[in-house]
């Protein structure tokens, strides 16, 4: 609203206010005929022409219609096209007509910019505000969650927009305090980052600005995944059943993000893992945990935190995404058979699609599963293409009625995510307990762009503005 008022006020002033510096009543008043502003992508350069900013004066040449920048832009510079690195303080209507004036955005995380100006024909003066709309925010930080080598601590690798990697980021930000064993999932909001550390049975909360420790939320038995919904967080907890086949505390814990405390718990199936939200409902994938004996998705009403229904899917559901229709795609890893170790086979594995409106399930059978990680499904920016892994990475339109056979990327990885702005795929590769892992970045056409060396057993990437 503030920007709208400033824009309207600027146009009002520009069209009505003038100062006469001459007694010559024959000098025609200039007219600010166009002040449309521009739209620009983040970090780009746009040309401002007479189609966006134009003053018409019937008795003055365009080269004599002079604009003076009275308040400069804050998130980029106004420059001449011949020297885009130097900010200018004035220009003419002739410059605009000749496409000589450009705005260069500096890539900052802002959605608007503007400059105020006065314009004169030598006698009369108009003032106005030129508005610049900047495209959606870009990702500033890429947090890679590394589970850690056997018996060692996990870590976080931070990659900034300049592709600079800081490994052991939590450790360095917190006076050499280790993150803990087997960090499993992570989420961020405007102020904090939340890290679920399974073997420590807690959720670490850190300040997003510098990653320093803010609070530790305890009281879990085997926490796995976290999902943020408004002022609440949900944490899945439970490892299935023990050696005596007794089910163990398989719950979804509710966290009040204002107080950072547990406020409730909801009983679900065995070994709850990934959670997603669609149309006011929380969907929980019950994998069976260590016992691998569940094949359900629990549906919870977010407003009341009550279970609405339990939906049967294929075996060992572990990962999920929501598509453009609000439907839920569930990656079901299947029941493993370790009898021919190291050649592990899986039964009843597949992808089950749950229609949000009816809870009807459509399942597709997966074969030749070769990926060992839990994060095996992702969705593109438009939410109309699902990426999943079995013996390779595949891309499937949400309108398809069968699984694709053509490999999108002929390799498997330990985790898969999609940048919600650029649509690039970020794929985590584990190289064992003695070799640091890697993250590979591919574009949506399947072309590899770059890779980074991170920590041991990287399982996922969290994107932060």
Protein backbone atom coordinates (compact mmCIF):
# COMPACT_ATOMS: atom_id res chain seq x y z
CA UNK A 1 0.00 0.00 0.00
CA UNK A 2 2.84 2.38 0.80
CA UNK A 3 4.35 1.87 -2.65
CA UNK A 4 0.96 2.42 -4.26
CA UNK A 5 0.43 5.68 -2.39
CA UNK A 6 3.90 6.92 -3.29
CA UNK A 7 3.32 5.99 -6.92
CA UNK A 8 -0.07 7.72 -7.03
CA UNK A 9 1.29 10.80 -5.27
CA UNK A 10 4.19 10.91 -7.70
CA UNK A 11 1.87 10.81 -10.68
CA UNK A 12 -0.36 13.48 -9.15
CA UNK A 13 2.61 15.77 -8.56
CA UNK A 14 4.04 15.01 -11.98
CA UNK A 15 0.82 15.88 -13.75
CA UNK A 16 -0.17 18.97 -11.78
CA UNK A 17 2.76 20.64 -10.04
CA UNK A 18 5.12 22.95 -11.86
CA UNK A 19 7.28 25.91 -11.10
CA UNK A 20 7.57 28.65 -13.69
CA UNK A 21 11.03 30.17 -13.90
CA UNK A 22 10.16 32.60 -16.65
CA UNK A 23 7.74 35.40 -17.41
CA UNK A 24 7.41 34.02 -20.92
CA UNK A 25 3.78 32.87 -21.04
CA UNK A 26 4.32 31.51 -24.56
CA UNK A 27 6.53 28.63 -23.32
CA UNK A 28 4.26 25.56 -23.47
CA UNK A 29 3.90 23.46 -20.36
CA UNK A 30 5.52 20.00 -20.71
CA UNK A 31 3.32 16.96 -20.24
CA UNK A 32 4.40 13.76 -18.47
CA UNK A 33 2.52 11.57 -20.93
CA UNK A 34 4.02 8.19 -19.90
CA UNK A 35 5.30 6.95 -16.52
CA UNK A 36 4.64 3.21 -16.62
CA UNK A 37 7.61 1.87 -14.68
CA UNK A 38 9.37 -1.37 -15.62
CA UNK A 39 9.43 -5.02 -14.55
CA UNK A 40 12.82 -6.73 -14.27
CA UNK A 41 14.15 -10.14 -13.25
CA UNK A 42 16.34 -10.32 -10.16
CA UNK A 43 19.94 -9.35 -10.95
CA UNK A 44 19.16 -8.33 -14.54
CA UNK A 45 19.49 -5.12 -16.56
CA UNK A 46 16.53 -3.41 -18.23
CA UNK A 47 16.42 -0.54 -20.72
CA UNK A 48 14.11 2.37 -19.88
CA UNK A 49 12.74 3.89 -23.08
CA UNK A 50 10.19 6.49 -24.09
CA UNK A 51 7.61 3.72 -23.93
CA UNK A 52 8.07 3.65 -20.14
CA UNK A 53 8.94 7.30 -19.39
CA UNK A 54 8.09 10.18 -21.71
CA UNK A 55 7.64 13.92 -21.47
CA UNK A 56 6.05 15.73 -24.42
CA UNK A 57 6.75 19.44 -24.96
CA UNK A 58 5.48 21.00 -28.16
CA UNK A 59 8.08 23.78 -28.28
CA UNK A 60 11.16 22.06 -26.79
CA UNK A 61 13.55 19.61 -28.41
CA UNK A 62 13.91 16.23 -26.66
CA UNK A 63 17.59 16.93 -26.06
CA UNK A 64 16.58 20.00 -24.03
CA UNK A 65 14.09 18.13 -21.84
CA UNK A 66 16.34 17.29 -18.90
CA UNK A 67 15.60 14.82 -16.09
CA UNK A 68 17.42 15.16 -12.77
CA UNK A 69 17.46 12.22 -10.35
CA UNK A 70 16.47 13.67 -6.99
CA UNK A 71 16.36 10.39 -5.06
CA UNK A 72 18.50 7.58 -6.40
CA UNK A 73 17.59 3.90 -6.61
CA UNK A 74 18.59 1.74 -3.64
CA UNK A 75 18.84 -1.75 -5.09
CA UNK A 76 20.69 -1.04 -8.30
CA UNK A 77 21.89 1.87 -10.39
CA UNK A 78 20.52 4.05 -13.14
CA UNK A 79 23.16 4.23 -15.84
CA UNK A 80 23.92 5.07 -19.45
CA UNK A 81 23.97 2.05 -21.73
CA UNK A 82 27.52 2.97 -22.76
CA UNK A 83 28.75 2.63 -19.15
CA UNK A 84 26.53 0.37 -17.07
CA UNK A 85 28.80 0.49 -14.02
CA UNK A 86 28.54 4.23 -13.34
CA UNK A 87 25.41 5.76 -11.84
CA UNK A 88 24.06 8.84 -13.57
CA UNK A 89 22.36 11.82 -11.99
CA UNK A 90 20.67 13.24 -15.08
CA UNK A 91 19.56 12.32 -18.60
CA UNK A 92 17.40 13.70 -21.40
CA UNK A 93 14.25 12.69 -23.18
CA UNK A 94 16.44 12.14 -26.23
CA UNK A 95 18.42 9.57 -24.22
CA UNK A 96 15.21 7.71 -23.43
CA UNK A 97 14.09 7.78 -27.05
CA UNK A 98 17.47 6.44 -28.12
CA UNK A 99 17.30 3.59 -25.53
CA UNK A 100 20.38 4.92 -23.76
CA UNK A 101 19.12 4.67 -20.15
CA UNK A 102 19.29 1.41 -18.22
CA UNK A 103 18.57 0.17 -14.71
CA UNK A 104 21.01 -2.45 -13.40
CA UNK A 105 19.68 -4.48 -10.47
CA UNK A 106 22.27 -5.54 -7.90
CA UNK A 107 20.73 -8.95 -7.15
CA UNK A 108 19.60 -8.03 -3.64
CA UNK A 109 16.61 -9.77 -2.10
CA UNK A 110 14.08 -7.05 -2.84
CA UNK A 111 10.94 -6.90 -4.94
CA UNK A 112 10.78 -3.17 -5.70
CA UNK A 113 12.93 -0.13 -6.38
CA UNK A 114 12.30 3.43 -7.56
CA UNK A 115 13.85 6.78 -8.29
CA UNK A 116 12.39 10.25 -7.89
CA UNK A 117 13.02 12.84 -10.56
CA UNK A 118 12.40 16.37 -11.65
CA UNK A 119 12.19 17.23 -15.34
CA UNK A 120 12.45 20.66 -16.95
CA UNK A 121 12.18 22.27 -20.36
CA UNK A 122 14.30 25.15 -19.12
CA UNK A 123 11.43 27.12 -17.66
CA UNK A 124 8.88 24.74 -16.20
CA UNK A 125 9.47 21.86 -13.81
CA UNK A 126 7.59 18.60 -13.25
CA UNK A 127 8.35 15.95 -10.63
CA UNK A 128 7.57 12.26 -10.48
CA UNK A 129 8.49 8.81 -9.18
CA UNK A 130 9.51 6.00 -11.50
CA UNK A 131 8.66 2.52 -10.14
CA UNK A 132 10.67 -0.64 -10.74
CA UNK A 133 9.17 -4.07 -10.04
CA UNK A 134 11.76 -6.79 -9.47
CA UNK A 135 11.06 -10.45 -10.20
CA UNK A 136 10.69 -13.07 -7.51
CA UNK A 137 13.36 -13.37 -4.88
CA UNK A 138 16.37 -15.51 -5.60
CA UNK A 139 17.75 -18.16 -3.29
CA UNK A 140 20.56 -16.71 -1.16
CA UNK A 141 21.71 -19.79 0.76
CA UNK A 142 21.72 -23.49 -0.02
CA UNK A 143 22.00 -25.62 3.13
CA UNK A 144 23.18 -29.18 2.57
CA UNK A 145 22.37 -31.55 5.42
CA UNK A 146 25.09 -34.16 5.88
CA UNK A 147 24.23 -37.20 8.01
CA UNK A 148 27.90 -37.83 8.81
CA UNK A 149 30.24 -40.80 8.65
CA UNK A 150 29.70 -43.90 10.79
CA UNK A 151 30.29 -43.04 14.44
CA UNK A 152 30.96 -39.40 13.60
CA UNK A 153 28.96 -36.22 13.80
CA UNK A 154 26.77 -34.82 11.08
CA UNK A 155 27.24 -31.38 9.61
CA UNK A 156 25.76 -28.65 7.46
CA UNK A 157 27.41 -27.25 4.35
CA UNK A 158 26.37 -23.72 3.38
CA UNK A 159 26.65 -22.69 -0.27
CA UNK A 160 26.05 -19.02 -1.06
CA UNK A 161 24.91 -17.40 -4.30
CA UNK A 162 28.52 -17.02 -5.40
CA UNK A 163 28.98 -20.81 -5.23
CA UNK A 164 31.26 -20.48 -2.20
CA UNK A 165 31.06 -23.50 0.11
CA UNK A 166 31.44 -23.34 3.89
CA UNK A 167 31.57 -26.86 5.30
CA UNK A 168 30.86 -27.51 9.01
CA UNK A 169 28.80 -24.32 9.02
CA UNK A 170 26.97 -25.01 12.29
CA UNK A 171 30.22 -26.06 13.98
CA UNK A 172 31.98 -22.83 12.97
CA UNK A 173 29.05 -20.59 13.88
CA UNK A 174 28.71 -22.09 17.36
CA UNK A 175 32.21 -22.07 18.86
CA UNK A 176 33.20 -25.51 17.60
CA UNK A 177 30.15 -27.28 19.02
CA UNK A 178 29.35 -30.36 16.89
CA UNK A 179 25.93 -30.65 15.30
CA UNK A 180 25.29 -34.20 16.49
CA UNK A 181 24.87 -37.63 14.95
CA UNK A 182 22.50 -38.25 12.03
CA UNK A 183 20.79 -34.93 11.34
CA UNK A 184 17.86 -36.03 9.22
CA UNK A 185 15.87 -33.02 8.06
CA UNK A 186 15.79 -29.24 8.09
CA UNK A 187 13.36 -26.35 7.52
CA UNK A 188 13.63 -22.55 7.55
CA UNK A 189 11.28 -19.64 8.03
CA UNK A 190 11.93 -15.90 8.02
CA UNK A 191 13.77 -15.91 11.33
CA UNK A 192 15.02 -19.39 12.24
CA UNK A 193 16.37 -22.63 10.84
CA UNK A 194 15.23 -25.92 12.41
CA UNK A 195 17.46 -29.00 12.31
CA UNK A 196 16.17 -32.43 13.34
CA UNK A 197 19.00 -34.54 14.84
CA UNK A 198 17.76 -38.11 15.12
CA UNK A 199 20.39 -39.70 17.36
CA UNK A 200 20.33 -36.73 19.75
CA UNK A 201 16.53 -36.92 20.02
CA UNK A 202 16.10 -33.18 19.64
CA UNK A 203 15.45 -30.31 17.26
CA UNK A 204 18.05 -27.56 17.13
CA UNK A 205 16.80 -24.04 16.46
CA UNK A 206 19.35 -21.55 15.12
CA UNK A 207 19.13 -17.89 14.16
CA UNK A 208 18.80 -17.72 10.40
CA UNK A 209 20.92 -14.58 10.16
CA UNK A 210 24.17 -16.09 11.47
CA UNK A 211 23.30 -19.72 12.31
CA UNK A 212 24.06 -19.31 16.01
CA UNK A 213 22.20 -21.57 18.43
CA UNK A 214 18.89 -20.17 19.70
CA UNK A 215 17.17 -23.08 21.43
CA UNK A 216 17.06 -26.87 21.67
CA UNK A 217 13.63 -28.51 21.64
CA UNK A 218 13.73 -31.88 23.42
CA UNK A 219 11.34 -34.64 24.43
CA UNK A 220 11.51 -36.85 21.33
CA UNK A 221 12.47 -40.52 21.08
CA UNK A 222 13.46 -40.81 17.41
CA UNK A 223 12.69 -37.56 15.51
CA UNK A 224 12.81 -37.72 11.72
CA UNK A 225 11.21 -34.91 9.71
CA UNK A 226 9.91 -31.38 10.33
CA UNK A 227 7.28 -29.33 8.53
CA UNK A 228 6.43 -25.68 9.26
CA UNK A 229 2.80 -24.53 9.03
CA UNK A 230 2.16 -20.94 10.12
CA UNK A 231 2.93 -20.61 13.83
CA UNK A 232 3.26 -24.37 14.27
CA UNK A 233 5.78 -27.04 13.40
CA UNK A 234 5.14 -30.76 13.10
CA UNK A 235 7.89 -33.28 13.90
CA UNK A 236 7.52 -36.96 12.99
CA UNK A 237 8.89 -39.32 15.63
CA UNK A 238 9.17 -43.09 16.01
CA UNK A 239 11.26 -45.96 14.73
CA UNK A 240 8.65 -48.66 14.21
CA UNK A 241 8.87 -51.59 16.60
CA UNK A 242 11.46 -53.08 18.90
CA UNK A 243 12.95 -56.59 18.96
CA UNK A 244 9.81 -57.84 20.75
CA UNK A 245 7.60 -56.44 17.98
CA UNK A 246 6.24 -53.74 20.26
CA UNK A 247 5.34 -50.48 18.56
CA UNK A 248 7.34 -47.54 19.91
CA UNK A 249 5.96 -44.04 20.37
CA UNK A 250 5.04 -43.33 16.76
CA UNK A 251 3.79 -39.77 17.01
CA UNK A 252 3.60 -36.42 15.32
CA UNK A 253 4.62 -33.78 17.84
CA UNK A 254 3.15 -30.28 17.56
CA UNK A 255 5.52 -27.38 18.29
CA UNK A 256 4.43 -23.83 19.09
CA UNK A 257 6.88 -21.65 17.17
CA UNK A 258 6.20 -18.66 19.42
CA UNK A 259 7.40 -20.47 22.54
CA UNK A 260 9.47 -23.23 20.84
CA UNK A 261 7.79 -25.85 23.03
CA UNK A 262 5.78 -29.02 22.44
CA UNK A 263 2.06 -28.43 22.77
CA UNK A 264 0.61 -31.73 21.63
CA UNK A 265 1.11 -35.09 19.99
CA UNK A 266 -0.84 -37.13 17.47
CA UNK A 267 -0.63 -40.91 17.19
CA UNK A 268 0.05 -42.17 13.67
CA UNK A 269 1.37 -45.31 11.97
CA UNK A 270 4.74 -46.94 12.53
CA UNK A 271 7.94 -45.13 11.64
CA UNK A 272 6.53 -41.78 10.43
CA UNK A 273 8.82 -39.96 8.02
CA UNK A 274 8.04 -37.17 5.52
CA UNK A 275 5.06 -34.85 5.97
CA UNK A 276 3.45 -32.52 3.43
CA UNK A 277 0.51 -30.11 3.54
CA UNK A 278 -2.36 -29.88 1.06
CA UNK A 279 -5.64 -28.00 1.47
CA UNK A 280 -5.42 -27.65 5.23
CA UNK A 281 -4.42 -31.25 5.79
CA UNK A 282 -1.14 -32.76 6.96
CA UNK A 283 -0.19 -36.02 5.23
CA UNK A 284 2.21 -38.32 7.10
CA UNK A 285 4.13 -41.15 5.42
CA UNK A 286 4.28 -44.13 7.80
CA UNK A 287 7.27 -46.17 6.64
CA UNK A 288 7.30 -48.84 9.33
CA UNK A 289 10.64 -47.62 10.62
CA UNK A 290 13.24 -50.31 11.25
CA UNK A 291 10.57 -53.00 10.96
CA UNK A 292 9.49 -51.87 7.46
CA UNK A 293 5.94 -53.07 8.12
CA UNK A 294 3.68 -50.13 7.38
CA UNK A 295 1.97 -49.05 4.19
CA UNK A 296 -0.20 -46.13 5.25
CA UNK A 297 -0.48 -42.36 5.07
CA UNK A 298 -2.14 -40.63 8.01
CA UNK A 299 -4.21 -37.52 7.23
CA UNK A 300 -4.47 -34.86 9.97
CA UNK A 301 -6.62 -31.73 10.11
CA UNK A 302 -4.23 -28.82 10.70
CA UNK A 303 -6.81 -26.66 12.46
CA UNK A 304 -7.79 -29.26 15.06
CA UNK A 305 -4.71 -31.55 14.96
CA UNK A 306 -7.06 -34.54 14.78
CA UNK A 307 -6.63 -37.59 12.53
CA UNK A 308 -9.13 -37.54 9.67
CA UNK A 309 -8.32 -40.85 8.00
CA UNK A 310 -5.64 -43.40 7.21
CA UNK A 311 -4.96 -44.23 3.57
CA UNK A 312 -3.34 -47.47 2.35
CA UNK A 313 -0.58 -47.09 -0.23
CA UNK A 314 2.29 -49.33 -1.35
CA UNK A 315 4.83 -50.56 1.21
CA UNK A 316 7.21 -48.39 3.25
CA UNK A 317 6.19 -44.87 2.19
CA UNK A 318 9.03 -42.50 3.03
CA UNK A 319 8.93 -39.36 0.88
CA UNK A 320 6.17 -37.19 -0.61
CA UNK A 321 5.45 -34.10 -2.74
CA UNK A 322 2.29 -32.13 -3.56
CA UNK A 323 1.43 -31.30 -7.16
CA UNK A 324 -0.37 -28.36 -8.79
CA UNK A 325 -3.76 -30.01 -8.20
CA UNK A 326 -3.08 -30.53 -4.50
CA UNK A 327 -2.68 -34.28 -5.03
CA UNK A 328 -0.01 -36.13 -3.04
CA UNK A 329 2.67 -38.28 -4.67
CA UNK A 330 4.10 -40.84 -2.24
CA UNK A 331 7.42 -42.59 -2.79
CA UNK A 332 7.14 -46.08 -1.34
CA UNK A 333 10.55 -47.73 -1.00
CA UNK A 334 9.18 -51.26 -0.57
CA UNK A 335 10.05 -53.99 1.91
CA UNK A 336 13.79 -54.78 1.71
CA UNK A 337 15.19 -58.29 1.52
CA UNK A 338 18.75 -58.45 2.86
CA UNK A 339 19.20 -62.22 2.51
CA UNK A 340 21.53 -61.84 -0.48
CA UNK A 341 23.54 -58.92 0.92
CA UNK A 342 24.97 -56.74 -0.53
CA UNK A 343 22.38 -57.36 -3.26
CA UNK A 344 19.25 -55.94 -1.64
CA UNK A 345 15.88 -56.42 -3.32
CA UNK A 346 12.57 -54.70 -2.57
CA UNK A 347 8.99 -55.91 -2.77
CA UNK A 348 5.78 -53.90 -3.18
CA UNK A 349 7.69 -50.70 -3.93
CA UNK A 350 6.20 -47.97 -6.05
CA UNK A 351 4.71 -44.52 -6.29
CA UNK A 352 1.19 -43.99 -4.98
CA UNK A 353 -0.73 -40.87 -5.97
CA UNK A 354 -3.43 -39.79 -3.51
CA UNK A 355 -6.17 -37.57 -4.96
CA UNK A 356 -6.65 -34.83 -2.38
CA UNK A 357 -10.35 -34.35 -3.13
CA UNK A 358 -11.39 -38.01 -2.83
CA UNK A 359 -8.45 -39.83 -1.17
CA UNK A 360 -8.52 -42.27 -4.10
CA UNK A 361 -5.15 -43.97 -4.60
CA UNK A 362 -3.48 -44.71 -7.93
CA UNK A 363 -0.29 -46.73 -7.63
CA UNK A 364 2.58 -47.43 -10.02
CA UNK A 365 5.01 -50.28 -9.43
CA UNK A 366 8.72 -49.52 -9.20
CA UNK A 367 11.37 -52.08 -10.07
CA UNK A 368 15.16 -52.14 -9.97
CA UNK A 369 15.49 -49.83 -6.99
CA UNK A 370 19.15 -48.99 -6.56
CA UNK A 371 19.04 -45.82 -4.46
CA UNK A 372 19.81 -46.23 -0.76
CA UNK A 373 18.63 -42.86 0.55
CA UNK A 374 15.25 -41.77 1.86
CA UNK A 375 14.81 -38.57 -0.16
CA UNK A 376 13.79 -40.00 -3.50
CA UNK A 377 11.09 -37.75 -4.93
CA UNK A 378 10.84 -34.04 -5.80
CA UNK A 379 8.65 -31.76 -7.89
CA UNK A 380 9.38 -28.87 -10.23
CA UNK A 381 8.54 -25.21 -9.73
CA UNK A 382 5.24 -25.40 -11.64
CA UNK A 383 4.39 -28.57 -9.70
CA UNK A 384 3.45 -30.44 -12.85
CA UNK A 385 6.54 -32.66 -13.25
CA UNK A 386 7.53 -35.23 -10.61
CA UNK A 387 11.15 -36.38 -10.38
CA UNK A 388 11.84 -39.72 -8.73
CA UNK A 389 14.65 -42.27 -8.43
CA UNK A 390 14.83 -46.03 -8.80
CA UNK A 391 17.68 -47.24 -11.02
CA UNK A 392 18.05 -43.68 -12.41
CA UNK A 393 16.36 -40.28 -12.15
CA UNK A 394 13.07 -40.10 -14.04
CA UNK A 395 10.77 -37.18 -14.89
CA UNK A 396 7.02 -37.81 -14.99
CA UNK A 397 4.24 -35.40 -15.92
CA UNK A 398 1.40 -35.41 -13.40
CA UNK A 399 -1.00 -36.11 -16.30
CA UNK A 400 0.81 -39.31 -17.32
CA UNK A 401 -0.95 -42.59 -16.67
CA UNK A 402 2.15 -44.77 -16.49
CA UNK A 403 5.73 -44.44 -15.32
CA UNK A 404 8.29 -43.16 -17.83
CA UNK A 405 10.85 -45.54 -19.30
CA UNK A 406 13.36 -42.94 -20.56
CA UNK A 407 15.99 -42.01 -18.00
CA UNK A 408 16.18 -38.28 -17.27
CA UNK A 409 19.60 -38.67 -15.58
CA UNK A 410 21.29 -42.05 -15.85
CA UNK A 411 22.49 -42.24 -12.24
CA UNK A 412 21.11 -42.56 -8.73
CA UNK A 413 21.77 -40.33 -5.74
CA UNK A 414 21.29 -40.21 -1.97
CA UNK A 415 18.80 -37.33 -2.15
CA UNK A 416 16.96 -35.14 -4.65
CA UNK A 417 15.56 -31.60 -4.37
CA UNK A 418 14.48 -28.86 -6.80
CA UNK A 419 15.38 -25.17 -6.50
CA UNK A 420 11.94 -23.48 -6.24
CA UNK A 421 13.12 -20.43 -8.18
CA UNK A 422 15.49 -21.65 -10.91
CA UNK A 423 13.94 -25.14 -11.35
CA UNK A 424 17.41 -26.70 -11.19
CA UNK A 425 17.74 -30.15 -9.65
CA UNK A 426 20.11 -30.50 -6.69
CA UNK A 427 21.23 -34.11 -6.28
CA UNK A 428 23.14 -35.38 -3.24
CA UNK A 429 25.75 -38.08 -3.79
CA UNK A 430 27.14 -40.16 -0.93
CA UNK A 431 30.65 -41.50 -1.49
CA UNK A 432 30.92 -43.59 1.66
CA UNK A 433 32.14 -43.11 5.21
CA UNK A 434 35.67 -42.00 4.34
CA UNK A 435 35.09 -39.70 1.35
CA UNK A 436 33.27 -36.37 1.44
CA UNK A 437 30.04 -36.36 -0.53
CA UNK A 438 29.05 -34.16 -3.44
CA UNK A 439 26.06 -32.17 -4.61
CA UNK A 440 25.43 -32.07 -8.35
CA UNK A 441 23.29 -29.39 -10.00
CA UNK A 442 21.37 -30.12 -13.22
CA UNK A 443 19.03 -27.85 -15.15
CA UNK A 444 15.48 -28.86 -16.07
CA UNK A 445 16.71 -30.15 -19.42
CA UNK A 446 18.93 -32.66 -17.63
CA UNK A 447 22.23 -30.89 -18.37
CA UNK A 448 24.79 -30.91 -15.58
CA UNK A 449 25.78 -27.38 -14.52
CA UNK A 450 28.17 -27.77 -11.58
CA UNK A 451 28.95 -29.74 -8.45
CA UNK A 452 30.16 -29.05 -4.91
CA UNK A 453 32.13 -31.05 -2.35
CA UNK A 454 30.24 -31.15 0.95
CA UNK A 455 30.16 -33.40 4.04
CA UNK A 456 29.69 -37.15 4.53
CA UNK A 457 26.40 -38.68 3.41
CA UNK A 458 24.58 -35.54 2.20
CA UNK A 459 20.84 -36.31 2.12
CA UNK A 460 19.03 -33.09 1.19
CA UNK A 461 19.26 -29.41 0.28
CA UNK A 462 17.21 -26.67 1.96
CA UNK A 463 16.74 -23.48 -0.06
CA UNK A 464 16.64 -20.17 1.82
CA UNK A 465 15.87 -16.66 0.56
